[in-house]
Amino acid sequence: MNFQHLLSYTQKTLAGQSVSPEEAYELITLPAADTPLLLAMADKIRRHFHDDTVDCCAIINGRSGKCPENCRFCAQSAHYQTGVTEYPLVDTDTVIATARRAKAAGAARFAIVTSGRSVAEGEEFESVLHALSCIKKEVHMETCCSLGLITLRQAQALKKVGISRYHANIETAPSFFSSICTTHTFADKAVMIRTAQQAGLRVCSGGIFGLGETPRQRIEMAFTLKKFGIDSVPLNILNPVAGTPFARNKRLPPWEILRTFAVFRYILPHALIRTAGGREVNLRALQPYALTGGLNGIMIGGYLTTGGNATSTDQQMLRDLERPCTQPEV
């Protein structure tokens, strides 16, 4: 690809037209030497459709381990011996205290995430609803949650309590999904997204790179999210976990990760796209390039089973980039 091709694809996106899968493939397979130019063009797209704020979010692992699903990357699956800490649903006071710390660190929104296929209606689900309500009323943060494959009635209850988004990652391309999980299907994921949308919820959905997927399948994943109308996309990079089938997966080179991030911006110019799990160990010193290469969000304060940067480190990065944090809309 020459510079004129890159410029034409950028101008096409800025004009509100969509790049094609083949054009996206040209972009994602650019050589490392041309990656900085691609990142600059992706950030031009970001600046055209968004402001300079960075959306910082945080999560709590609300229920850990013993998951019956066999996702081959996951430390919490009961199918693998990973040594992950296991515990039932955490109490509301713990959730609120964690949310307060997240807000103090710059997070605009806070999500409760639970392991397992779903959260059954009854006492446990009511406890989640109560905690979400308390966060919004007492901590004054936007709230989100990820509770697995919930019902329409549960989605409607979450809408009523005022969550900003329901989180349901598609994880990877439809054509690759059966290679990473067999206890549920991509169709199950699609039904969950449509159920949440039917209840009037905005959906946050992304996935993980480094599972063994091809560049074309990463592009397939992005266009699938576009088809679903997803406007909030978290992008994770595999941090291989000992005991899982993907423990020996080769880590992706930082430039390859950043090219992938940039191409997601071309395909999803209007979306909030954030870098999430695995950025610290995979991007290392190149973490700021994600935010100067098209992305406009980060997850802070650690992940489900692994830690992240100190929040002070991330806040210093944002100050150095002169990128302010978004503020909660409550």
Protein backbone atom coordinates (compact mmCIF):
# COMPACT_ATOMS: atom_id res chain seq x y z
CA MET A 1 0.00 0.00 0.00
CA ASN A 2 1.28 3.46 -0.83
CA PHE A 3 0.57 6.71 0.98
CA GLN A 4 -2.13 7.71 -1.49
CA HIS A 5 -4.12 4.56 -0.73
CA LEU A 6 -3.90 5.19 3.01
CA LEU A 7 -4.93 8.81 2.51
CA SER A 8 -7.87 7.83 0.29
CA TYR A 9 -9.17 5.31 2.86
CA THR A 10 -8.85 7.95 5.58
CA GLN A 11 -10.69 10.56 3.50
CA LYS A 12 -13.37 8.00 2.69
CA THR A 13 -13.95 7.32 6.39
CA LEU A 14 -13.94 11.02 7.27
CA ALA A 15 -16.61 11.55 4.62
CA GLY A 16 -18.88 9.06 6.37
CA GLN A 17 -18.32 6.14 4.01
CA SER A 18 -17.28 2.68 5.16
CA VAL A 19 -14.03 0.98 4.23
CA SER A 20 -14.52 -2.49 2.77
CA PRO A 21 -13.18 -5.68 4.36
CA GLU A 22 -10.49 -5.84 1.67
CA GLU A 23 -9.45 -2.25 2.31
CA ALA A 24 -9.36 -2.96 6.04
CA TYR A 25 -7.15 -5.99 5.34
CA GLU A 26 -4.70 -3.76 3.47
CA LEU A 27 -4.55 -1.52 6.51
CA ILE A 28 -4.16 -4.26 9.12
CA THR A 29 -1.33 -5.90 7.18
CA LEU A 30 0.76 -2.76 6.71
CA PRO A 31 4.44 -3.27 7.59
CA ALA A 32 5.71 -2.15 10.98
CA ALA A 33 7.59 0.76 9.38
CA ASP A 34 4.29 2.28 8.16
CA THR A 35 2.36 1.68 11.39
CA PRO A 36 3.02 5.15 12.92
CA LEU A 37 1.47 6.77 9.85
CA LEU A 38 -1.58 4.48 10.10
CA LEU A 39 -1.96 5.39 13.78
CA ALA A 40 -1.81 9.10 12.95
CA MET A 41 -4.53 8.70 10.32
CA ALA A 42 -6.71 6.64 12.70
CA ASP A 43 -6.37 9.36 15.31
CA LYS A 44 -7.39 11.96 12.76
CA ILE A 45 -10.61 9.96 12.33
CA ARG A 46 -11.04 9.81 16.11
CA ARG A 47 -10.61 13.58 16.42
CA HIS A 48 -13.09 14.18 13.60
CA PHE A 49 -15.91 12.18 15.19
CA HIS A 50 -15.09 12.62 18.90
CA ASP A 51 -13.60 15.12 21.30
CA ASP A 52 -10.31 14.67 23.16
CA THR A 53 -11.77 13.16 26.31
CA VAL A 54 -10.78 9.63 27.34
CA ASP A 55 -13.52 7.47 28.83
CA CYS A 56 -12.10 5.70 31.88
CA CYS A 57 -14.05 2.79 33.29
CA ALA A 58 -13.43 0.29 36.06
CA ILE A 59 -14.85 -3.08 37.07
CA ILE A 60 -15.22 -5.38 40.03
CA ASN A 61 -15.08 -9.14 39.76
CA GLY A 62 -18.37 -9.58 41.55
CA ARG A 63 -18.34 -13.39 41.58
CA SER A 64 -15.18 -15.31 40.82
CA GLY A 65 -14.41 -18.76 39.43
CA LYS A 66 -16.34 -22.02 39.06
CA CYS A 67 -17.70 -21.01 35.66
CA PRO A 68 -19.26 -23.97 33.80
CA GLU A 69 -18.32 -22.52 30.40
CA ASN A 70 -15.13 -23.75 28.70
CA CYS A 71 -13.78 -20.54 27.13
CA ARG A 72 -10.21 -21.62 26.39
CA PHE A 73 -8.62 -18.32 27.46
CA CYS A 74 -10.39 -17.89 30.78
CA ALA A 75 -8.81 -18.29 34.23
CA GLN A 76 -12.27 -18.62 35.82
CA SER A 77 -13.45 -21.68 33.89
CA ALA A 78 -14.10 -24.72 36.08
CA HIS A 79 -12.75 -26.87 33.21
CA TYR A 80 -9.14 -25.82 33.94
CA GLN A 81 -6.84 -25.78 36.95
CA THR A 82 -5.62 -22.18 37.10
CA GLY A 83 -5.48 -21.51 40.84
CA VAL A 84 -7.84 -18.56 40.50
CA THR A 85 -9.44 -17.29 43.69
CA GLU A 86 -13.05 -18.42 43.94
CA TYR A 87 -15.80 -16.62 45.85
CA PRO A 88 -19.58 -16.04 45.70
CA LEU A 89 -21.27 -12.72 44.94
CA VAL A 90 -19.60 -9.93 46.89
CA ASP A 91 -21.64 -7.81 49.29
CA THR A 92 -22.99 -4.39 48.38
CA ASP A 93 -20.71 -2.50 50.78
CA THR A 94 -17.65 -3.96 49.06
CA VAL A 95 -19.01 -3.04 45.64
CA ILE A 96 -19.72 0.55 46.72
CA ALA A 97 -16.31 0.97 48.35
CA THR A 98 -14.61 -0.28 45.19
CA ALA A 99 -16.69 2.09 43.07
CA ARG A 100 -15.70 5.04 45.24
CA ARG A 101 -12.01 4.23 44.75
CA ALA A 102 -12.55 3.92 41.02
CA LYS A 103 -14.23 7.32 40.84
CA ALA A 104 -11.42 8.90 42.82
CA ALA A 105 -8.98 7.42 40.28
CA GLY A 106 -10.84 9.05 37.38
CA ALA A 107 -13.37 6.44 36.27
CA ALA A 108 -16.66 7.77 34.90
CA ARG A 109 -18.42 4.41 34.95
CA PHE A 110 -18.25 1.27 37.06
CA ALA A 111 -19.30 -2.27 36.13
CA ILE A 112 -20.19 -5.36 38.13
CA VAL A 113 -18.95 -8.47 36.32
CA THR A 114 -19.83 -12.00 37.44
CA SER A 115 -18.40 -15.35 36.41
CA GLY A 116 -20.76 -18.06 35.24
CA ARG A 117 -23.26 -18.57 32.46
CA SER A 118 -25.85 -16.27 34.04
CA VAL A 119 -27.19 -14.82 37.28
CA ALA A 120 -30.38 -16.52 38.38
CA GLU A 121 -33.43 -14.44 39.17
CA GLY A 122 -34.09 -14.15 42.86
CA GLU A 123 -31.90 -13.07 45.77
CA GLU A 124 -28.63 -12.89 43.83
CA PHE A 125 -30.00 -10.86 40.95
CA GLU A 126 -31.84 -8.55 43.35
CA SER A 127 -28.56 -8.00 45.19
CA VAL A 128 -26.92 -6.90 41.94
CA LEU A 129 -29.78 -4.51 41.20
CA HIS A 130 -29.50 -3.03 44.70
CA ALA A 131 -25.74 -2.52 44.36
CA LEU A 132 -26.12 -0.84 40.97
CA SER A 133 -28.78 1.48 42.34
CA CYS A 134 -26.59 2.41 45.32
CA ILE A 135 -23.59 3.20 43.11
CA LYS A 136 -25.63 5.59 41.03
CA LYS A 137 -27.32 7.28 43.99
CA GLU A 138 -24.45 7.34 46.50
CA VAL A 139 -21.29 7.43 44.38
CA HIS A 140 -22.78 9.32 41.41
CA MET A 141 -21.19 7.17 38.74
CA GLU A 142 -22.57 5.63 35.59
CA THR A 143 -23.13 1.91 36.03
CA CYS A 144 -22.77 -1.09 33.73
CA CYS A 145 -22.77 -4.82 34.26
CA SER A 146 -21.87 -8.14 32.71
CA LEU A 147 -23.93 -11.01 34.08
CA GLY A 148 -23.76 -13.52 31.26
CA LEU A 149 -26.77 -14.74 29.28
CA ILE A 150 -29.65 -13.00 31.02
CA THR A 151 -33.35 -12.97 30.16
CA LEU A 152 -35.38 -10.15 28.66
CA ARG A 153 -37.09 -9.60 32.02
CA GLN A 154 -33.69 -9.23 33.70
CA ALA A 155 -32.53 -6.85 30.98
CA GLN A 156 -35.65 -4.75 31.52
CA ALA A 157 -34.98 -4.68 35.28
CA LEU A 158 -31.43 -3.49 34.62
CA LYS A 159 -32.78 -0.79 32.32
CA LYS A 160 -35.17 0.32 35.05
CA VAL A 161 -32.38 0.61 37.61
CA GLY A 162 -30.55 2.90 35.21
CA ILE A 163 -27.46 1.12 33.93
CA SER A 164 -25.67 2.86 31.06
CA ARG A 165 -24.75 -0.28 29.12
CA TYR A 166 -24.94 -4.05 29.27
CA HIS A 167 -21.63 -5.72 28.54
CA ALA A 168 -21.63 -8.82 26.34
CA ASN A 169 -18.37 -9.51 24.49
CA ILE A 170 -18.59 -11.48 21.26
CA GLU A 171 -14.90 -12.36 22.00
CA THR A 172 -13.86 -13.04 18.39
CA ALA A 173 -15.10 -13.48 14.84
CA PRO A 174 -18.14 -15.74 14.30
CA SER A 175 -16.02 -17.98 12.07
CA PHE A 176 -13.52 -18.58 14.88
CA PHE A 177 -15.84 -18.79 17.88
CA SER A 178 -16.12 -22.58 18.02
CA SER A 179 -12.32 -22.72 18.34
CA ILE A 180 -12.42 -20.84 21.64
CA CYS A 181 -15.62 -22.16 23.28
CA THR A 182 -18.04 -25.05 22.79
CA THR A 183 -20.35 -24.78 25.83
CA HIS A 184 -22.16 -21.88 24.22
CA THR A 185 -22.25 -20.59 20.66
CA PHE A 186 -21.83 -17.35 18.80
CA ALA A 187 -25.58 -17.51 18.21
CA ASP A 188 -26.08 -17.42 21.98
CA LYS A 189 -23.98 -14.24 22.09
CA ALA A 190 -26.03 -12.71 19.29
CA VAL A 191 -29.30 -13.49 21.08
CA MET A 192 -27.96 -11.86 24.25
CA ILE A 193 -27.03 -8.68 22.42
CA ARG A 194 -30.41 -8.49 20.72
CA THR A 195 -32.19 -9.18 24.03
CA ALA A 196 -30.38 -6.31 25.75
CA GLN A 197 -31.13 -4.01 22.84
CA GLN A 198 -34.78 -5.07 22.87
CA ALA A 199 -34.92 -3.94 26.50
CA GLY A 200 -33.64 -0.52 25.45
CA LEU A 201 -30.09 -1.03 26.71
CA ARG A 202 -27.00 0.13 24.89
CA VAL A 203 -24.56 -2.75 24.53
CA CYS A 204 -20.83 -2.72 25.19
CA SER A 205 -19.23 -5.53 23.21
CA GLY A 206 -15.73 -6.35 22.01
CA GLY A 207 -13.32 -9.20 22.35
CA ILE A 208 -9.79 -10.50 22.70
CA PHE A 209 -6.89 -10.59 20.27
CA GLY A 210 -4.20 -13.25 20.37
CA LEU A 211 -6.46 -16.30 20.60
CA GLY A 212 -5.11 -17.71 17.34
CA GLU A 213 -7.41 -15.75 15.04
CA THR A 214 -6.18 -14.40 11.70
CA PRO A 215 -6.06 -10.71 10.70
CA ARG A 216 -9.06 -11.34 8.45
CA GLN A 217 -10.98 -12.72 11.43
CA ARG A 218 -10.19 -9.58 13.44
CA ILE A 219 -11.70 -7.58 10.60
CA GLU A 220 -14.68 -9.96 10.56
CA MET A 221 -15.15 -9.30 14.27
CA ALA A 222 -15.14 -5.52 13.73
CA PHE A 223 -17.71 -5.70 10.93
CA THR A 224 -19.86 -8.01 13.08
CA LEU A 225 -19.90 -5.39 15.83
CA LYS A 226 -20.81 -2.78 13.22
CA LYS A 227 -23.71 -4.96 12.05
CA PHE A 228 -24.99 -5.22 15.64
CA GLY A 229 -24.86 -1.42 16.01
CA ILE A 230 -22.40 -1.55 18.91
CA ASP A 231 -21.20 1.89 20.00
CA SER A 232 -18.89 0.86 22.87
CA VAL A 233 -16.08 -1.57 22.10
CA PRO A 234 -13.52 -2.87 24.64
CA LEU A 235 -10.46 -4.45 23.03
CA ASN A 236 -8.48 -6.93 25.11
CA ILE A 237 -5.20 -8.65 24.33
CA LEU A 238 -4.67 -12.19 25.57
CA ASN A 239 -2.58 -12.44 28.71
CA PRO A 240 -1.99 -16.23 28.65
CA VAL A 241 -3.05 -17.97 31.87
CA ALA A 242 -1.25 -21.09 33.10
CA GLY A 243 -3.61 -24.07 33.15
CA THR A 244 -5.76 -22.90 30.23
CA PRO A 245 -5.49 -24.36 26.71
CA PHE A 246 -4.16 -21.01 25.48
CA ALA A 247 -1.41 -20.81 28.11
CA ARG A 248 1.30 -21.14 25.46
CA ASN A 249 -0.19 -18.80 22.87
CA LYS A 250 2.47 -16.53 21.43
CA ARG A 251 2.09 -12.91 22.48
CA LEU A 252 1.24 -10.48 19.72
CA PRO A 253 3.86 -7.84 18.79
CA PRO A 254 2.88 -4.33 19.97
CA TRP A 255 2.81 -2.85 16.45
CA GLU A 256 0.42 -5.61 15.33
CA ILE A 257 -1.88 -4.84 18.25
CA LEU A 258 -1.82 -1.12 17.52
CA ARG A 259 -2.53 -1.67 13.81
CA THR A 260 -5.54 -3.76 14.81
CA PHE A 261 -6.77 -1.02 17.15
CA ALA A 262 -6.37 1.55 14.36
CA VAL A 263 -8.30 -0.53 11.84
CA PHE A 264 -11.18 -0.88 14.32
CA ARG A 265 -11.36 2.92 14.31
CA TYR A 266 -11.66 2.93 10.50
CA ILE A 267 -14.46 0.35 10.62
CA LEU A 268 -16.23 1.84 13.67
CA PRO A 269 -15.54 5.58 13.44
CA HIS A 270 -18.41 6.61 15.73
CA ALA A 271 -17.79 4.08 18.51
CA LEU A 272 -16.19 4.54 21.89
CA ILE A 273 -13.26 2.13 21.58
CA ARG A 274 -11.21 1.36 24.67
CA THR A 275 -8.10 -0.66 25.38
CA ALA A 276 -8.69 -3.03 28.27
CA GLY A 277 -7.20 -6.25 29.61
CA GLY A 278 -3.67 -7.17 28.62
CA ARG A 279 -2.55 -3.72 27.49
CA GLU A 280 0.11 -3.38 30.17
CA VAL A 281 1.89 -6.68 29.52
CA ASN A 282 1.49 -6.65 25.73
CA LEU A 283 1.92 -3.00 24.75
CA ARG A 284 4.35 -2.18 27.55
CA ALA A 285 6.03 1.17 26.80
CA LEU A 286 3.80 1.67 23.75
CA GLN A 287 0.56 1.95 25.74
CA PRO A 288 0.14 5.70 24.98
CA TYR A 289 0.15 4.90 21.25
CA ALA A 290 -3.28 3.30 21.65
CA LEU A 291 -4.70 6.70 22.57
CA THR A 292 -2.79 8.50 19.82
CA GLY A 293 -3.78 5.82 17.32
CA GLY A 294 -7.55 6.10 17.31
CA LEU A 295 -8.80 4.91 20.71
CA ASN A 296 -10.71 7.06 23.17
CA GLY A 297 -11.13 4.90 26.25
CA ILE A 298 -9.21 2.79 28.74
CA MET A 299 -10.09 0.44 31.55
CA ILE A 300 -8.27 1.35 34.74
CA GLY A 301 -7.58 -0.27 38.09
CA GLY A 302 -7.05 -3.87 36.99
CA TYR A 303 -9.18 -6.60 35.48
CA LEU A 304 -11.08 -9.70 36.53
CA THR A 305 -8.18 -11.87 37.68
CA THR A 306 -5.11 -9.78 36.88
CA GLY A 307 -3.83 -6.41 38.02
CA GLY A 308 -3.11 -3.41 35.82
CA ASN A 309 -1.16 -0.20 36.02
CA ALA A 310 -1.34 1.83 39.18
CA THR A 311 -4.15 4.30 38.55
CA SER A 312 -1.70 7.13 39.21
CA THR A 313 0.41 5.86 36.29
CA ASP A 314 -2.56 5.91 33.93
CA GLN A 315 -3.60 9.37 35.10
CA GLN A 316 -0.08 10.67 34.50
CA MET A 317 -0.20 9.17 31.00
CA LEU A 318 -3.42 11.07 30.29
CA ARG A 319 -1.96 14.31 31.62
CA ASP A 320 1.14 13.86 29.47
CA LEU A 321 -1.09 13.30 26.43
CA GLU A 322 -3.21 16.32 27.44
CA ARG A 323 -6.33 14.18 27.26
CA PRO A 324 -8.94 14.85 29.98
CA CYS A 325 -11.17 12.14 31.45
CA THR A 326 -14.88 12.04 30.69
CA GLN A 327 -17.19 12.91 33.58
CA PRO A 328 -20.08 10.73 34.77
CA GLU A 329 -23.46 11.63 33.28
CA VAL A 330 -25.73 11.06 36.28
